[in-house]
Amino acid sequence: MSVFNRDEDDGLSRGARALVALPERAGDNPRTAEARLDEAAGLAAAIGIDVVGRLAFRLRDPKPATLFGSGQVEQIALAIRQDEAELLVVDAALTPIQQRNLEKAIEAKVIDRTGLILEIFGERAATAEGRLQVELAHLDYQAGRLVRSWTHLERQRGGFGFLGGPGETQIEADRRMIRDRMAKLRRELEQVRRTRGLHRARRQRAPWPVIALVGYTNAGKSTLFNRMTGARVMAEDLLFATLDPTMRQISLPGLDKAILSDTVGFVSDLPTQLVAAFRATLEEVTGADIILHVRDIAHPDSDAQAADVLTVLGEIGVGPRAPDAEAGEGAPILEVWNKIDMLDEESRSAVEAEASRREDVVTLSALQGDGVEQLRRIVSDRLSVGNRVRTLAVPIADGAAIAWLHAHGEVLGQEVDGDRMVLEVRLSDADLARFEAR
């Protein structure tokens, strides 16, 4: 289901001309209007919309009917005509009534921030799971917009009992169909969640540490993922270039094997429908041993973007772990300040000086490779915290156990004692528990 009707004569597919309008409210957002307009234009460009104009309006008193004031609506309508735009992108959430009234006033289609992000996700979802999640979020969004977007709502139909009974209006029937479809999707996604849980439990028994990449959209997560794994995951200068999670095996200094997970990028004002729908995917983050928060340190709103990422992580139950917390209280978060190659010499020196004063920051350029090996070493050290030398006696006949210790620990020495092999192995508490559970 799409916010747009993509009929051949609709003109609202790729290449559609659009105007972006930003409603500003005092204290509403720490970002500058220019930065917010740039992001909204980037979201539109991500699905091929041609942004031909940008307008920012101060809102002292948002209007329930149109959000914008009457004079502002007239200014938008004039700009739509002058720029020959077919679409208005409002960088805010609109109620169904506001969306419908704006469309009538400016005689063009209107899409809000939520609808735009849903469009991007709908186009990018590549896996069956991703499509389920997007459809669920889309249905939730569209359920309140039937009056605006469907043309047959005044009709009534009679019917048999199981169709809703005589006189049920089409809108009531359609809403019921949407509710039924959403219930079915939730059941399917719950099965996905259980399957992911089983896979996660199997990985923990394996046991290989999981490293999750998170960050604002277009921060460079996929470029770093490709750099560390040698994979060819889509990595473009686009918002939400990655939607479906990708996992690959990597090796780190002192660690034979680890799993690196690339996740969907976050964005400010992420629609609640998407946070709920993508909870199953984001649970990969909750099960990680360490989280790498990738930041575009060259972006003027890098701090605000970081705050948005932490907000979304908090919504799915992930937060920074205190240094003295127990091992089971959540994964530690390491900040990766990416794109230092895009800074001038003075700014880069200042950023690297600030990072050197913090223990939870690594600076690098995922594109050029600078600092990536340092990141590998630091991640390995973090994952190896708590490693101690253990003396373990294993039956010589149990070759699988001996091989496991060589693969997952650092064997410092071994000698035969009768029918047993005694090994001196450096292991973490978690790996020791996994070994004993075998």
Protein backbone atom coordinates (compact mmCIF):
# COMPACT_ATOMS: atom_id res chain seq x y z
CA MET A 1 0.00 0.00 0.00
CA SER A 2 1.34 3.40 -0.93
CA VAL A 3 0.67 6.95 0.11
CA PHE A 4 0.82 7.83 -3.58
CA ASN A 5 -1.30 6.29 -6.28
CA ARG A 6 1.30 5.35 -8.84
CA ASP A 7 -0.91 5.13 -11.91
CA GLU A 8 0.85 5.66 -15.21
CA ASP A 9 -0.79 9.08 -15.62
CA ASP A 10 -0.40 10.09 -11.99
CA GLY A 11 2.97 11.77 -12.38
CA LEU A 12 3.91 11.17 -8.77
CA SER A 13 6.42 8.43 -9.28
CA ARG A 14 10.11 9.13 -9.76
CA GLY A 15 10.83 12.61 -11.04
CA ALA A 16 7.71 14.21 -9.54
CA ARG A 17 8.21 17.92 -8.83
CA ALA A 18 7.73 18.80 -5.16
CA LEU A 19 7.81 21.73 -2.79
CA VAL A 20 9.06 21.16 0.78
CA ALA A 21 7.41 23.19 3.57
CA LEU A 22 8.81 23.30 7.10
CA PRO A 23 6.60 24.46 9.99
CA GLU A 24 8.86 25.87 12.72
CA ARG A 25 7.73 26.18 16.31
CA ALA A 26 9.73 27.87 19.08
CA GLY A 27 11.82 25.34 21.00
CA ASP A 28 10.50 22.51 18.84
CA ASN A 29 13.82 21.30 17.44
CA PRO A 30 17.46 22.18 18.14
CA ARG A 31 18.37 21.98 14.45
CA THR A 32 18.48 24.97 12.13
CA ALA A 33 15.70 25.44 9.60
CA GLU A 34 18.24 25.02 6.78
CA ALA A 35 19.44 21.68 8.14
CA ARG A 36 15.88 20.40 8.57
CA LEU A 37 14.95 21.47 5.05
CA ASP A 38 18.08 19.74 3.74
CA GLU A 39 17.07 16.53 5.48
CA ALA A 40 13.48 16.71 4.22
CA ALA A 41 14.77 17.29 0.69
CA GLY A 42 17.12 14.32 1.15
CA LEU A 43 14.23 12.11 2.22
CA ALA A 44 12.29 13.14 -0.89
CA ALA A 45 15.32 12.55 -3.11
CA ALA A 46 15.67 9.04 -1.64
CA ILE A 47 12.60 7.98 -3.63
CA GLY A 48 13.37 10.05 -6.70
CA ILE A 49 11.25 13.14 -6.00
CA ASP A 50 12.58 16.34 -7.56
CA VAL A 51 12.50 19.10 -4.94
CA VAL A 52 12.03 22.39 -6.80
CA GLY A 53 11.40 24.72 -3.87
CA ARG A 54 11.75 25.04 -0.09
CA LEU A 55 9.80 27.19 2.35
CA ALA A 56 10.07 27.57 6.13
CA PHE A 57 7.27 29.13 8.19
CA ARG A 58 7.16 30.25 11.81
CA LEU A 59 4.08 28.83 13.53
CA ARG A 60 2.92 30.73 16.58
CA ASP A 61 -0.47 29.07 16.70
CA PRO A 62 -0.82 25.87 14.61
CA LYS A 63 -4.22 25.76 12.92
CA PRO A 64 -6.28 22.60 13.54
CA ALA A 65 -7.68 22.73 10.00
CA THR A 66 -4.50 23.25 7.94
CA LEU A 67 -1.58 23.49 10.42
CA PHE A 68 -0.37 26.61 8.56
CA GLY A 69 -2.06 30.01 8.78
CA SER A 70 -4.29 31.19 5.93
CA GLY A 71 -1.65 33.59 4.60
CA GLN A 72 0.98 30.83 4.70
CA VAL A 73 -1.34 28.46 2.84
CA GLU A 74 -1.81 31.10 0.12
CA GLN A 75 1.97 31.51 -0.11
CA ILE A 76 2.37 27.74 -0.49
CA ALA A 77 -0.31 27.60 -3.19
CA LEU A 78 1.38 30.43 -5.09
CA ALA A 79 4.76 28.67 -4.90
CA ILE A 80 3.17 25.41 -6.08
CA ARG A 81 1.81 27.17 -9.17
CA GLN A 82 4.98 29.15 -9.88
CA ASP A 83 7.25 26.09 -9.57
CA GLU A 84 4.74 23.83 -11.37
CA ALA A 85 4.98 21.39 -8.47
CA GLU A 86 2.68 18.39 -8.23
CA LEU A 87 3.35 17.56 -4.59
CA LEU A 88 3.75 19.32 -1.25
CA VAL A 89 6.03 17.63 1.30
CA VAL A 90 5.30 18.89 4.82
CA ASP A 91 8.17 18.18 7.21
CA ALA A 92 5.86 17.45 10.14
CA ALA A 93 3.08 15.04 11.05
CA LEU A 94 -0.32 16.05 9.65
CA THR A 95 -3.72 14.91 10.80
CA PRO A 96 -5.96 13.42 8.09
CA ILE A 97 -8.13 16.57 8.18
CA GLN A 98 -5.15 18.88 7.77
CA GLN A 99 -3.84 16.81 4.88
CA ARG A 100 -7.21 16.85 3.10
CA ASN A 101 -7.79 20.58 3.65
CA LEU A 102 -4.31 21.47 2.40
CA GLU A 103 -4.84 19.41 -0.75
CA LYS A 104 -8.05 21.29 -1.48
CA ALA A 105 -6.47 24.68 -0.77
CA ILE A 106 -3.34 24.26 -2.89
CA GLU A 107 -4.82 21.89 -5.52
CA ALA A 108 -1.94 19.45 -5.25
CA LYS A 109 -1.19 16.22 -3.45
CA VAL A 110 0.19 16.50 0.09
CA ILE A 111 2.40 14.07 1.99
CA ASP A 112 3.69 14.53 5.52
CA ARG A 113 6.99 13.40 7.07
CA THR A 114 5.54 10.12 8.31
CA GLY A 115 4.08 9.25 4.91
CA LEU A 116 7.34 10.15 3.16
CA ILE A 117 9.44 7.90 5.41
CA LEU A 118 6.92 5.09 4.94
CA GLU A 119 7.23 5.54 1.17
CA ILE A 120 11.01 5.17 1.38
CA PHE A 121 10.75 2.07 3.54
CA GLY A 122 8.12 0.59 1.24
CA GLU A 123 10.41 1.03 -1.76
CA ARG A 124 13.55 -0.25 -0.04
CA ALA A 125 12.23 -3.33 1.79
CA ALA A 126 13.95 -6.28 0.14
CA THR A 127 13.19 -9.21 2.44
CA ALA A 128 9.87 -10.84 3.28
CA GLU A 129 10.27 -9.65 6.86
CA GLY A 130 10.97 -6.08 5.79
CA ARG A 131 7.91 -6.04 3.56
CA LEU A 132 5.74 -7.33 6.42
CA GLN A 133 7.01 -4.61 8.72
CA VAL A 134 6.48 -1.85 6.17
CA GLU A 135 2.98 -3.05 5.26
CA LEU A 136 1.98 -3.13 8.93
CA ALA A 137 3.25 0.42 9.47
CA HIS A 138 1.59 1.60 6.26
CA LEU A 139 -1.78 0.11 7.18
CA ASP A 140 -1.61 1.72 10.61
CA TYR A 141 -0.91 5.07 8.96
CA GLN A 142 -3.58 4.71 6.26
CA ALA A 143 -6.32 3.54 8.61
CA GLY A 144 -6.95 7.11 9.74
CA ARG A 145 -6.75 8.50 6.22
CA LEU A 146 -9.44 6.52 4.45
CA VAL A 147 -11.64 9.59 4.11
CA ARG A 148 -8.86 11.38 2.25
CA SER A 149 -7.43 8.70 0.09
CA TRP A 150 -10.25 6.37 -0.93
CA THR A 151 -12.89 7.42 -3.46
CA HIS A 152 -15.75 4.99 -2.80
CA LEU A 153 -16.54 5.86 0.80
CA GLU A 154 -20.08 7.17 0.37
CA ARG A 155 -21.32 3.88 -1.04
CA GLN A 156 -23.14 1.41 1.11
CA ARG A 157 -23.45 -2.26 0.53
CA GLY A 158 -25.70 -4.93 1.84
CA GLY A 159 -24.22 -8.24 2.72
CA PHE A 160 -24.36 -11.50 4.52
CA GLY A 161 -23.62 -11.72 8.20
CA PHE A 162 -19.97 -12.47 7.78
CA LEU A 163 -19.54 -9.43 5.54
CA GLY A 164 -20.75 -7.01 8.19
CA GLY A 165 -24.48 -6.94 7.62
CA PRO A 166 -26.86 -4.81 5.53
CA GLY A 167 -26.14 -1.12 5.37
CA GLU A 168 -22.49 -1.33 6.41
CA THR A 169 -20.75 1.63 4.84
CA GLN A 170 -17.77 0.94 2.65
CA ILE A 171 -15.45 2.86 4.97
CA GLU A 172 -16.47 0.68 7.92
CA ALA A 173 -15.89 -2.45 5.89
CA ASP A 174 -12.54 -1.21 4.66
CA ARG A 175 -11.44 -0.32 8.17
CA ARG A 176 -12.45 -3.78 9.35
CA MET A 177 -10.45 -5.34 6.52
CA ILE A 178 -7.44 -3.24 7.51
CA ARG A 179 -7.75 -4.30 11.16
CA ASP A 180 -7.95 -7.95 10.14
CA ARG A 181 -4.92 -7.63 7.87
CA MET A 182 -2.95 -5.84 10.60
CA ALA A 183 -3.79 -8.60 13.09
CA LYS A 184 -2.52 -11.21 10.61
CA LEU A 185 0.71 -9.24 10.01
CA ARG A 186 1.32 -8.91 13.76
CA ARG A 187 0.98 -12.68 14.15
CA GLU A 188 3.47 -13.25 11.33
CA LEU A 189 5.91 -10.72 12.80
CA GLU A 190 5.59 -12.35 16.21
CA GLN A 191 6.66 -15.61 14.56
CA VAL A 192 9.62 -13.72 13.05
CA ARG A 193 10.50 -12.41 16.52
CA ARG A 194 10.43 -15.92 17.97
CA THR A 195 12.57 -17.24 15.11
CA ARG A 196 15.09 -14.44 15.64
CA GLY A 197 15.14 -15.30 19.32
CA LEU A 198 15.98 -18.92 18.51
CA HIS A 199 18.73 -17.83 16.11
CA ARG A 200 20.11 -15.46 18.75
CA ALA A 201 20.11 -18.23 21.35
CA ARG A 202 21.90 -20.52 18.90
CA ARG A 203 24.55 -17.86 18.27
CA GLN A 204 25.05 -17.44 22.00
CA ARG A 205 25.62 -21.16 22.33
CA ALA A 206 28.00 -21.08 19.34
CA PRO A 207 29.29 -18.68 20.83
CA TRP A 208 30.41 -15.72 18.78
CA PRO A 209 30.13 -12.14 19.97
CA VAL A 210 27.72 -9.90 18.06
CA ILE A 211 28.65 -6.32 17.15
CA ALA A 212 25.74 -4.10 16.07
CA LEU A 213 26.16 -0.96 13.98
CA VAL A 214 23.61 1.74 14.75
CA GLY A 215 23.43 5.39 13.81
CA TYR A 216 21.57 8.17 12.08
CA THR A 217 20.67 7.49 8.48
CA ASN A 218 23.54 8.25 6.06
CA ALA A 219 26.13 8.29 8.86
CA GLY A 220 28.23 5.73 6.99
CA LYS A 221 27.25 2.46 8.70
CA SER A 222 27.10 0.42 5.51
CA THR A 223 30.42 1.84 4.26
CA LEU A 224 32.03 0.83 7.55
CA PHE A 225 30.30 -2.56 7.37
CA ASN A 226 31.74 -3.13 3.89
CA ARG A 227 35.18 -1.95 5.01
CA MET A 228 35.25 -4.37 7.96
CA THR A 229 33.70 -7.39 6.22
CA GLY A 230 34.70 -7.05 2.58
CA ALA A 231 31.00 -7.29 1.69
CA ARG A 232 29.24 -5.21 -0.92
CA VAL A 233 26.18 -4.01 0.95
CA MET A 234 24.47 -1.06 -0.73
CA ALA A 235 26.27 2.05 0.53
CA GLU A 236 25.19 5.23 -1.19
CA ASP A 237 24.89 8.89 -0.26
CA LEU A 238 21.17 8.43 0.32
CA LEU A 239 18.97 8.52 3.38
CA PHE A 240 17.86 4.99 4.32
CA ALA A 241 20.10 3.26 1.78
CA THR A 242 19.99 0.27 4.16
CA LEU A 243 16.67 -1.07 5.38
CA ASP A 244 16.96 -4.81 5.88
CA PRO A 245 19.51 -5.95 8.48
CA THR A 246 22.64 -7.69 7.21
CA MET A 247 24.99 -9.90 9.22
CA ARG A 248 28.49 -11.05 8.28
CA GLN A 249 31.33 -12.91 9.96
CA ILE A 250 34.49 -10.94 10.71
CA SER A 251 37.74 -11.70 12.51
CA LEU A 252 39.29 -9.37 15.07
CA PRO A 253 42.74 -9.31 16.69
CA GLY A 254 42.74 -12.14 19.23
CA LEU A 255 39.21 -13.26 18.24
CA ASP A 256 38.74 -15.99 15.69
CA LYS A 257 35.20 -15.00 14.82
CA ALA A 258 32.61 -12.31 15.52
CA ILE A 259 29.32 -11.33 13.87
CA LEU A 260 28.89 -7.76 12.56
CA SER A 261 25.29 -6.57 12.06
CA ASP A 262 24.30 -3.58 9.92
CA THR A 263 20.92 -2.10 10.88
CA VAL A 264 18.43 0.40 9.51
CA GLY A 265 19.39 4.03 10.04
CA PHE A 266 17.51 6.18 12.50
CA VAL A 267 16.09 9.64 11.85
CA SER A 268 14.56 12.39 13.95
CA ASP A 269 10.80 12.09 14.50
CA LEU A 270 10.86 8.47 13.32
CA PRO A 271 7.20 7.47 12.91
CA THR A 272 5.93 5.53 15.89
CA GLN A 273 4.37 3.05 13.46
CA LEU A 274 7.85 2.19 12.17
CA VAL A 275 9.44 1.90 15.60
CA ALA A 276 6.72 -0.59 16.55
CA ALA A 277 6.80 -2.48 13.24
CA PHE A 278 10.61 -2.76 13.15
CA ARG A 279 10.95 -3.85 16.77
CA ALA A 280 11.66 -7.43 15.63
CA THR A 281 14.56 -6.23 13.47
CA LEU A 282 15.90 -3.85 16.09
CA GLU A 283 15.94 -6.66 18.64
CA GLU A 284 19.21 -7.67 16.99
CA VAL A 285 20.63 -4.58 18.68
CA THR A 286 19.29 -5.60 22.10
CA GLY A 287 21.08 -8.95 21.80
CA ALA A 288 24.46 -7.48 20.78
CA ASP A 289 27.61 -7.80 22.90
CA ILE A 290 28.75 -4.32 21.88
CA ILE A 291 27.04 -1.49 19.98
CA LEU A 292 28.96 0.77 17.61
CA HIS A 293 27.15 4.10 17.34
CA VAL A 294 28.36 5.48 14.00
CA ARG A 295 28.16 9.28 13.77
CA ASP A 296 28.71 11.61 10.83
CA ILE A 297 31.04 13.90 12.75
CA ALA A 298 31.31 16.28 9.79
CA HIS A 299 27.56 16.98 9.84
CA PRO A 300 26.63 20.31 11.45
CA ASP A 301 23.85 18.60 13.46
CA SER A 302 25.92 15.61 14.55
CA ASP A 303 25.11 16.12 18.26
CA ALA A 304 21.38 16.40 17.62
CA GLN A 305 21.48 13.30 15.41
CA ALA A 306 23.28 11.38 18.16
CA ALA A 307 20.60 12.41 20.65
CA ASP A 308 17.89 11.14 18.26
CA VAL A 309 19.65 7.78 17.95
CA LEU A 310 19.87 7.38 21.72
CA THR A 311 16.17 8.27 21.98
CA VAL A 312 15.19 5.48 19.57
CA LEU A 313 17.52 3.03 21.32
CA GLY A 314 15.80 3.93 24.58
CA GLU A 315 12.41 3.20 22.99
CA ILE A 316 13.49 -0.36 22.18
CA GLY A 317 15.02 -0.86 25.62
CA VAL A 318 18.68 -0.23 24.82
CA GLY A 319 20.72 2.33 26.69
CA PRO A 320 24.36 3.06 27.53
CA ARG A 321 25.65 0.66 30.14
CA ALA A 322 27.27 2.16 33.21
CA PRO A 323 30.95 1.27 33.66
CA ASP A 324 30.19 -0.59 36.92
CA ALA A 325 27.12 -2.40 35.58
CA GLU A 326 26.88 -6.16 35.60
CA ALA A 327 27.49 -7.97 32.31
CA GLY A 328 23.82 -8.71 31.77
CA GLU A 329 22.63 -5.10 32.04
CA GLY A 330 22.91 -4.16 28.38
CA ALA A 331 25.63 -3.84 25.78
CA PRO A 332 28.26 -1.09 26.07
CA ILE A 333 28.09 1.60 23.38
CA LEU A 334 31.22 2.76 21.57
CA GLU A 335 30.90 5.95 19.51
CA VAL A 336 32.50 5.86 16.06
CA TRP A 337 33.08 9.37 14.75
CA ASN A 338 33.07 8.79 11.00
CA LYS A 339 33.82 11.01 7.98
CA ILE A 340 36.81 12.79 9.50
CA ASP A 341 38.14 12.98 5.93
CA MET A 342 35.42 15.56 5.22
CA LEU A 343 36.72 17.97 7.88
CA ASP A 344 39.26 20.71 7.25
CA GLU A 345 42.62 20.36 9.00
CA GLU A 346 41.73 22.62 11.92
CA SER A 347 38.35 20.98 12.58
CA ARG A 348 39.84 17.50 12.27
CA SER A 349 42.54 18.30 14.84
CA ALA A 350 39.91 19.62 17.25
CA VAL A 351 37.69 16.54 16.80
CA GLU A 352 40.59 14.12 17.27
CA ALA A 353 41.75 16.03 20.37
CA GLU A 354 38.28 15.78 21.90
CA ALA A 355 38.04 12.07 21.04
CA SER A 356 41.42 11.39 22.66
CA ARG A 357 40.04 12.63 25.98
CA ARG A 358 37.23 10.07 25.92
CA GLU A 359 37.42 6.31 26.31
CA ASP A 360 34.21 5.61 24.39
CA VAL A 361 35.13 7.30 21.08
CA VAL A 362 37.05 6.23 17.97
CA THR A 363 37.63 8.56 15.00
CA LEU A 364 37.90 7.17 11.48
CA SER A 365 37.08 7.46 7.82
CA ALA A 366 35.16 4.38 6.69
CA LEU A 367 35.51 5.54 3.09
CA GLN A 368 39.29 5.88 3.13
CA GLY A 369 40.04 3.31 5.85
CA ASP A 370 41.83 5.65 8.27
CA GLY A 371 41.34 4.46 11.85
CA VAL A 372 39.49 1.23 10.99
CA GLU A 373 42.28 -1.02 12.28
CA GLN A 374 42.32 0.95 15.53
CA LEU A 375 38.57 0.32 15.80
CA ARG A 376 39.14 -3.41 15.30
CA ARG A 377 41.68 -3.48 18.14
CA ILE A 378 39.49 -1.49 20.52
CA VAL A 379 36.42 -3.65 19.82
CA SER A 380 38.51 -6.77 20.38
CA ASP A 381 39.81 -5.37 23.67
CA ARG A 382 36.28 -4.46 24.79
CA LEU A 383 34.97 -7.91 23.94
CA SER A 384 37.91 -9.48 25.76
CA VAL A 385 37.37 -7.52 29.00
CA GLY A 386 37.22 -9.97 31.87
CA ASN A 387 39.31 -12.58 30.09
CA ARG A 388 41.33 -14.58 32.59
CA VAL A 389 43.68 -17.52 32.34
CA ARG A 390 41.87 -20.76 33.21
CA THR A 391 43.21 -24.25 33.69
CA LEU A 392 40.86 -26.71 32.03
CA ALA A 393 41.11 -30.49 31.80
CA VAL A 394 39.44 -32.04 28.77
CA PRO A 395 39.30 -35.71 27.72
CA ILE A 396 41.77 -36.27 24.91
CA ALA A 397 39.03 -38.04 22.99
CA ASP A 398 36.91 -34.87 23.02
CA GLY A 399 38.56 -33.25 20.03
CA ALA A 400 35.60 -30.92 19.46
CA ALA A 401 36.00 -29.37 22.92
CA ILE A 402 39.74 -28.86 22.43
CA ALA A 403 39.13 -27.28 19.02
CA TRP A 404 36.44 -25.04 20.55
CA LEU A 405 38.89 -23.71 23.14
CA HIS A 406 41.48 -23.00 20.45
CA ALA A 407 38.86 -21.19 18.35
CA HIS A 408 37.29 -19.09 21.09
CA GLY A 409 40.08 -18.54 23.57
CA GLU A 410 43.80 -17.91 23.64
CA VAL A 411 45.51 -21.23 24.43
CA LEU A 412 48.72 -20.39 26.32
CA GLY A 413 49.84 -23.96 26.92
CA GLN A 414 48.68 -27.59 26.95
CA GLU A 415 50.01 -30.93 28.10
CA VAL A 416 48.79 -34.51 28.25
CA ASP A 417 47.93 -35.96 31.66
CA GLY A 418 46.90 -39.56 31.23
CA ASP A 419 43.69 -39.60 29.21
CA ARG A 420 43.17 -35.87 29.67
CA MET A 421 44.48 -32.75 27.98
CA VAL A 422 45.22 -29.94 30.45
CA LEU A 423 45.05 -26.52 28.82
CA GLU A 424 45.95 -23.04 30.04
CA VAL A 425 43.39 -20.85 28.24
CA ARG A 426 42.57 -17.16 28.42
CA LEU A 427 38.74 -16.96 28.43
CA SER A 428 36.08 -14.48 29.45
CA ASP A 429 33.48 -15.41 32.04
CA ALA A 430 30.84 -15.53 29.31
CA ASP A 431 32.91 -17.87 27.12
CA LEU A 432 33.69 -20.09 30.10
CA ALA A 433 29.97 -20.36 30.82
CA ARG A 434 29.33 -21.21 27.17
CA PHE A 435 32.05 -23.85 27.20
CA GLU A 436 30.70 -25.43 30.38
CA ALA A 437 27.20 -25.48 28.91
CA ARG A 438 28.35 -27.64 25.99
